[in-house]
């Protein structure tokens, strides 16, 4: 699948501050990832620490929190990993599902889809 980025804006929990990044759309990542310092600056608190498995087979314990983000003009709360400082912002599958988007890797865009209850 092709790699592309989309602007994603993270909203502070209390003071209205926002930070916008070019997030890499990564359907292989379960959750969105942002550097820990960004999430802490926005007032995001960890909800839990969970094991994360990487493509190379490593497993690490990462903190997971909830943050409001804006993506393609919509704003919703999502789950987000507190990543290392050198990590790029990734837009994971959970976020894409929450926003009801599928990925068009050829056109490098997010395509709206309908919600299903089947």
N, C-alpha and C. Protein backbone atom coordinates (compact mmCIF):
# COMPACT_ATOMS: atom_id res chain seq x y z
N UNK A 1 0.84 -1.17 0.00
CA UNK A 1 0.00 0.00 0.00
C UNK A 1 0.89 1.24 0.00
N UNK A 2 0.50 2.26 -0.73
CA UNK A 2 1.26 3.50 -0.77
C UNK A 2 1.17 4.25 0.55
N UNK A 3 2.18 5.02 0.82
CA UNK A 3 2.21 5.82 2.04
C UNK A 3 1.86 7.26 1.67
N UNK A 4 0.97 7.86 2.45
CA UNK A 4 0.66 9.27 2.26
C UNK A 4 0.29 9.88 3.59
N UNK A 5 0.26 11.19 3.63
CA UNK A 5 -0.05 11.88 4.88
C UNK A 5 -1.27 12.76 4.72
N UNK A 6 -1.89 13.05 5.85
CA UNK A 6 -3.05 13.93 5.94
C UNK A 6 -2.87 14.82 7.16
N UNK A 7 -3.29 16.08 7.08
CA UNK A 7 -3.24 16.92 8.27
C UNK A 7 -4.18 16.39 9.35
N UNK A 8 -3.66 16.34 10.57
CA UNK A 8 -4.47 15.94 11.73
C UNK A 8 -4.18 16.93 12.84
N UNK A 9 -5.24 17.47 13.44
CA UNK A 9 -5.11 18.47 14.49
C UNK A 9 -5.51 17.86 15.82
N UNK A 10 -4.64 17.97 16.80
CA UNK A 10 -4.88 17.49 18.16
C UNK A 10 -5.36 18.68 19.00
N UNK A 11 -6.43 18.49 19.77
CA UNK A 11 -7.02 19.55 20.58
C UNK A 11 -6.73 19.31 22.06
N UNK A 12 -6.37 20.39 22.75
CA UNK A 12 -6.11 20.32 24.19
C UNK A 12 -7.39 19.99 24.94
N UNK A 13 -7.23 19.36 26.10
CA UNK A 13 -8.38 18.99 26.90
C UNK A 13 -8.98 20.17 27.65
N UNK A 14 -8.19 21.22 27.92
CA UNK A 14 -8.71 22.30 28.75
C UNK A 14 -8.59 23.69 28.13
N UNK A 15 -7.44 24.05 27.59
CA UNK A 15 -7.19 25.45 27.26
C UNK A 15 -7.44 25.84 25.81
N UNK A 16 -7.93 24.95 24.97
CA UNK A 16 -8.24 25.29 23.59
C UNK A 16 -7.04 25.29 22.65
N UNK A 17 -5.85 24.99 23.16
CA UNK A 17 -4.65 24.93 22.33
C UNK A 17 -4.76 23.77 21.34
N UNK A 18 -4.25 23.95 20.13
CA UNK A 18 -4.23 22.88 19.15
C UNK A 18 -2.84 22.73 18.56
N UNK A 19 -2.56 21.55 18.05
CA UNK A 19 -1.32 21.29 17.31
C UNK A 19 -1.66 20.45 16.10
N UNK A 20 -1.19 20.89 14.93
CA UNK A 20 -1.48 20.20 13.68
C UNK A 20 -0.21 19.57 13.12
N UNK A 21 -0.36 18.34 12.61
CA UNK A 21 0.77 17.58 12.06
C UNK A 21 0.36 16.98 10.73
N UNK A 22 1.34 16.65 9.91
CA UNK A 22 1.11 15.81 8.75
C UNK A 22 1.22 14.37 9.24
N UNK A 23 0.08 13.74 9.48
CA UNK A 23 0.05 12.38 10.00
C UNK A 23 0.15 11.37 8.88
N UNK A 24 1.01 10.38 9.05
CA UNK A 24 1.12 9.30 8.07
C UNK A 24 -0.04 8.34 8.25
N UNK A 25 -0.80 8.11 7.19
CA UNK A 25 -1.91 7.16 7.23
C UNK A 25 -1.31 5.76 7.25
N UNK A 26 -1.59 5.01 8.32
CA UNK A 26 -0.95 3.70 8.52
C UNK A 26 -2.01 2.69 8.94
N UNK A 27 -2.57 1.97 7.97
CA UNK A 27 -3.60 0.99 8.29
C UNK A 27 -3.05 -0.23 9.02
N UNK A 28 -1.73 -0.37 9.07
CA UNK A 28 -1.11 -1.45 9.82
C UNK A 28 -0.96 -1.14 11.29
N UNK A 29 -1.15 0.13 11.66
CA UNK A 29 -1.10 0.54 13.06
C UNK A 29 -2.53 0.52 13.61
N UNK A 30 -2.72 -0.13 14.76
CA UNK A 30 -4.06 -0.22 15.32
C UNK A 30 -4.55 1.15 15.79
N UNK A 31 -3.71 1.88 16.53
CA UNK A 31 -4.10 3.17 17.08
C UNK A 31 -3.23 4.28 16.50
N UNK A 32 -3.71 5.50 16.61
CA UNK A 32 -2.93 6.67 16.24
C UNK A 32 -1.80 6.82 17.24
N UNK A 33 -0.69 7.39 16.78
CA UNK A 33 0.49 7.60 17.63
C UNK A 33 0.93 9.05 17.51
N UNK A 34 1.29 9.66 18.64
CA UNK A 34 1.87 11.00 18.66
C UNK A 34 2.98 11.00 19.71
N UNK A 35 3.97 11.89 19.55
CA UNK A 35 5.02 11.97 20.57
C UNK A 35 4.41 12.28 21.95
N UNK A 36 4.94 11.64 22.96
CA UNK A 36 4.43 11.82 24.33
C UNK A 36 4.40 13.28 24.74
N UNK A 37 5.45 14.04 24.38
CA UNK A 37 5.52 15.45 24.79
C UNK A 37 4.35 16.26 24.22
N UNK A 38 3.93 15.95 23.01
CA UNK A 38 2.79 16.65 22.40
C UNK A 38 1.52 16.36 23.19
N UNK A 39 1.26 15.09 23.48
CA UNK A 39 0.05 14.72 24.20
C UNK A 39 0.04 15.31 25.61
N UNK A 40 1.17 15.28 26.28
CA UNK A 40 1.23 15.85 27.65
C UNK A 40 1.02 17.36 27.62
N UNK A 41 1.60 18.03 26.62
CA UNK A 41 1.44 19.49 26.48
C UNK A 41 -0.04 19.84 26.27
N UNK A 42 -0.77 18.96 25.62
CA UNK A 42 -2.20 19.18 25.39
C UNK A 42 -3.07 18.75 26.56
N UNK A 43 -2.46 18.20 27.60
CA UNK A 43 -3.20 17.80 28.79
C UNK A 43 -3.80 16.41 28.71
N UNK A 44 -3.36 15.60 27.76
CA UNK A 44 -3.89 14.24 27.63
C UNK A 44 -3.26 13.37 28.71
N UNK A 45 -4.10 12.62 29.39
CA UNK A 45 -3.63 11.74 30.46
C UNK A 45 -3.71 10.28 29.98
N UNK A 46 -2.70 9.48 30.33
CA UNK A 46 -2.77 8.05 29.98
C UNK A 46 -3.93 7.36 30.69
N UNK A 47 -4.63 6.50 29.96
CA UNK A 47 -5.71 5.71 30.55
C UNK A 47 -5.20 4.36 31.03
N UNK A 48 -4.24 3.81 30.28
CA UNK A 48 -3.68 2.50 30.61
C UNK A 48 -2.38 2.31 29.86
N UNK A 49 -1.64 1.30 30.25
CA UNK A 49 -0.42 0.89 29.55
C UNK A 49 -0.67 -0.50 29.01
N UNK A 50 -0.39 -0.68 27.71
CA UNK A 50 -0.66 -1.97 27.07
C UNK A 50 0.53 -2.42 26.24
N UNK A 51 0.65 -3.74 26.03
CA UNK A 51 1.74 -4.23 25.18
C UNK A 51 1.48 -3.90 23.71
N UNK A 52 2.54 -3.49 23.01
CA UNK A 52 2.47 -3.16 21.59
C UNK A 52 3.50 -4.03 20.87
N UNK A 53 3.06 -4.75 19.84
CA UNK A 53 3.96 -5.57 19.04
C UNK A 53 4.30 -4.83 17.75
N UNK A 54 5.58 -4.84 17.40
CA UNK A 54 6.08 -4.16 16.22
C UNK A 54 6.35 -5.17 15.10
N UNK A 55 6.51 -4.65 13.89
CA UNK A 55 6.72 -5.50 12.71
C UNK A 55 7.96 -6.38 12.85
N UNK A 56 8.96 -5.92 13.61
CA UNK A 56 10.19 -6.72 13.77
C UNK A 56 10.08 -7.76 14.88
N UNK A 57 8.89 -7.88 15.49
CA UNK A 57 8.67 -8.89 16.52
C UNK A 57 8.83 -8.39 17.94
N UNK A 58 9.42 -7.20 18.13
CA UNK A 58 9.58 -6.65 19.48
C UNK A 58 8.23 -6.35 20.10
N UNK A 59 8.18 -6.40 21.42
CA UNK A 59 7.01 -5.97 22.17
C UNK A 59 7.47 -4.97 23.23
N UNK A 60 6.75 -3.85 23.31
CA UNK A 60 7.03 -2.83 24.33
C UNK A 60 5.72 -2.45 25.01
N UNK A 61 5.83 -1.87 26.18
CA UNK A 61 4.68 -1.36 26.92
C UNK A 61 4.53 0.13 26.60
N UNK A 62 3.39 0.52 26.04
CA UNK A 62 3.13 1.92 25.70
C UNK A 62 1.87 2.41 26.39
N UNK A 63 1.86 3.68 26.73
CA UNK A 63 0.69 4.30 27.33
C UNK A 63 -0.31 4.66 26.24
N UNK A 64 -1.59 4.54 26.58
CA UNK A 64 -2.69 4.84 25.67
C UNK A 64 -3.59 5.86 26.34
N UNK A 65 -3.97 6.91 25.61
CA UNK A 65 -4.86 7.93 26.15
C UNK A 65 -5.94 8.28 25.15
N UNK A 66 -6.81 9.19 25.55
CA UNK A 66 -7.87 9.65 24.66
C UNK A 66 -7.68 11.13 24.39
N UNK A 67 -7.80 11.51 23.12
CA UNK A 67 -7.61 12.90 22.72
C UNK A 67 -8.60 13.23 21.61
N UNK A 68 -9.04 14.49 21.56
CA UNK A 68 -9.88 14.91 20.44
C UNK A 68 -9.00 15.34 19.30
N UNK A 69 -9.35 14.85 18.10
CA UNK A 69 -8.60 15.24 16.91
C UNK A 69 -9.58 15.69 15.83
N UNK A 70 -9.04 16.48 14.92
CA UNK A 70 -9.79 16.90 13.74
C UNK A 70 -9.09 16.32 12.52
N UNK A 71 -9.89 15.68 11.67
CA UNK A 71 -9.38 15.02 10.47
C UNK A 71 -10.40 15.22 9.36
N UNK A 72 -9.97 15.78 8.25
CA UNK A 72 -10.85 16.00 7.10
C UNK A 72 -12.12 16.75 7.49
N UNK A 73 -11.98 17.75 8.37
CA UNK A 73 -13.11 18.60 8.73
C UNK A 73 -14.02 18.07 9.83
N UNK A 74 -13.76 16.86 10.33
CA UNK A 74 -14.57 16.29 11.42
C UNK A 74 -13.73 16.27 12.69
N UNK A 75 -14.37 16.38 13.84
CA UNK A 75 -13.68 16.35 15.13
C UNK A 75 -14.31 15.29 16.02
N UNK A 76 -13.47 14.37 16.52
CA UNK A 76 -13.93 13.26 17.36
C UNK A 76 -12.87 12.90 18.40
N UNK A 77 -13.29 12.27 19.52
CA UNK A 77 -12.31 11.71 20.44
C UNK A 77 -11.80 10.36 19.89
N UNK A 78 -10.51 10.13 20.04
CA UNK A 78 -9.90 8.88 19.59
C UNK A 78 -8.95 8.37 20.66
N UNK A 79 -8.55 7.11 20.53
CA UNK A 79 -7.49 6.55 21.37
C UNK A 79 -6.16 6.79 20.67
N UNK A 80 -5.14 7.13 21.45
CA UNK A 80 -3.84 7.50 20.88
C UNK A 80 -2.72 7.01 21.78
N UNK A 81 -1.70 6.41 21.16
CA UNK A 81 -0.51 5.99 21.89
C UNK A 81 0.40 7.17 22.16
N UNK A 82 1.00 7.16 23.35
CA UNK A 82 2.06 8.10 23.72
C UNK A 82 3.36 7.51 23.16
N UNK A 83 3.82 8.01 22.02
CA UNK A 83 5.00 7.47 21.37
C UNK A 83 6.28 8.13 21.81
N UNK A 84 7.42 7.57 21.42
CA UNK A 84 8.71 8.20 21.69
C UNK A 84 8.80 9.56 20.98
N UNK A 85 9.73 10.37 21.44
CA UNK A 85 9.86 11.73 20.89
C UNK A 85 10.21 11.76 19.41
N UNK A 86 10.90 10.76 18.92
CA UNK A 86 11.33 10.76 17.52
C UNK A 86 10.32 10.08 16.60
N UNK A 87 9.18 9.69 17.13
CA UNK A 87 8.21 8.97 16.30
C UNK A 87 7.40 9.96 15.46
N UNK A 88 7.11 9.58 14.21
CA UNK A 88 6.20 10.43 13.43
C UNK A 88 4.77 10.24 13.92
N UNK A 89 3.93 11.22 13.66
CA UNK A 89 2.51 11.06 13.97
C UNK A 89 1.92 10.09 12.95
N UNK A 90 1.30 9.02 13.46
CA UNK A 90 0.65 8.02 12.62
C UNK A 90 -0.85 8.09 12.83
N UNK A 91 -1.60 7.94 11.75
CA UNK A 91 -3.06 7.85 11.83
C UNK A 91 -3.41 6.39 11.64
N UNK A 92 -3.82 5.73 12.73
CA UNK A 92 -4.05 4.29 12.72
C UNK A 92 -5.47 3.89 12.34
N UNK A 93 -5.65 2.58 12.23
CA UNK A 93 -6.91 1.99 11.77
C UNK A 93 -8.09 2.35 12.67
N UNK A 94 -7.90 2.38 13.97
CA UNK A 94 -8.98 2.72 14.91
C UNK A 94 -9.53 4.11 14.61
N UNK A 95 -8.63 5.05 14.35
CA UNK A 95 -9.04 6.42 14.03
C UNK A 95 -9.78 6.46 12.69
N UNK A 96 -9.25 5.76 11.70
CA UNK A 96 -9.92 5.72 10.39
C UNK A 96 -11.32 5.14 10.51
N UNK A 97 -11.47 4.10 11.31
CA UNK A 97 -12.80 3.51 11.53
C UNK A 97 -13.72 4.48 12.28
N UNK A 98 -13.20 5.15 13.30
CA UNK A 98 -14.02 6.08 14.08
C UNK A 98 -14.55 7.21 13.20
N UNK A 99 -13.73 7.66 12.27
CA UNK A 99 -14.11 8.75 11.38
C UNK A 99 -14.86 8.25 10.13
N UNK A 100 -15.06 6.94 10.04
CA UNK A 100 -15.75 6.32 8.91
C UNK A 100 -15.05 6.62 7.58
N UNK A 101 -13.74 6.34 7.54
CA UNK A 101 -12.97 6.50 6.32
C UNK A 101 -12.39 5.16 5.89
N UNK A 102 -12.32 4.95 4.58
CA UNK A 102 -11.49 3.90 4.02
C UNK A 102 -10.37 4.59 3.27
N UNK A 103 -9.31 3.86 3.00
CA UNK A 103 -8.11 4.43 2.39
C UNK A 103 -8.09 4.10 0.90
N UNK A 104 -7.89 5.12 0.08
CA UNK A 104 -7.66 4.94 -1.35
C UNK A 104 -6.17 5.18 -1.58
N UNK A 105 -5.38 4.10 -1.67
CA UNK A 105 -3.93 4.26 -1.78
C UNK A 105 -3.47 4.77 -3.15
N UNK A 106 -4.29 4.59 -4.16
CA UNK A 106 -3.93 5.07 -5.50
C UNK A 106 -4.07 6.59 -5.57
N UNK A 107 -5.21 7.09 -5.14
CA UNK A 107 -5.46 8.53 -5.16
C UNK A 107 -4.88 9.24 -3.93
N UNK A 108 -4.40 8.43 -2.96
CA UNK A 108 -3.84 8.96 -1.71
C UNK A 108 -4.82 9.88 -1.01
N UNK A 109 -5.99 9.30 -0.73
CA UNK A 109 -7.01 10.07 -0.03
C UNK A 109 -7.84 9.18 0.88
N UNK A 110 -8.55 9.83 1.78
CA UNK A 110 -9.48 9.15 2.68
C UNK A 110 -10.87 9.30 2.09
N UNK A 111 -11.57 8.18 1.99
CA UNK A 111 -12.88 8.15 1.35
C UNK A 111 -13.93 7.85 2.40
N UNK A 112 -14.96 8.70 2.53
CA UNK A 112 -16.03 8.42 3.50
C UNK A 112 -16.74 7.10 3.19
N UNK A 113 -17.15 6.41 4.25
CA UNK A 113 -17.93 5.19 4.10
C UNK A 113 -19.12 5.26 5.02
N UNK A 114 -20.09 4.39 4.82
CA UNK A 114 -21.26 4.39 5.69
C UNK A 114 -21.01 3.50 6.89
N UNK A 115 -21.66 3.85 7.98
CA UNK A 115 -21.59 3.03 9.18
C UNK A 115 -22.45 1.79 8.99
N UNK A 116 -21.99 0.67 9.51
CA UNK A 116 -22.70 -0.59 9.36
C UNK A 116 -23.12 -1.17 10.70
N UNK A 117 -24.29 -1.72 10.78
CA UNK A 117 -24.78 -2.51 11.91
C UNK A 117 -25.43 -3.73 11.32
N UNK A 118 -24.65 -4.74 11.04
CA UNK A 118 -25.18 -5.93 10.37
C UNK A 118 -25.05 -7.15 11.25
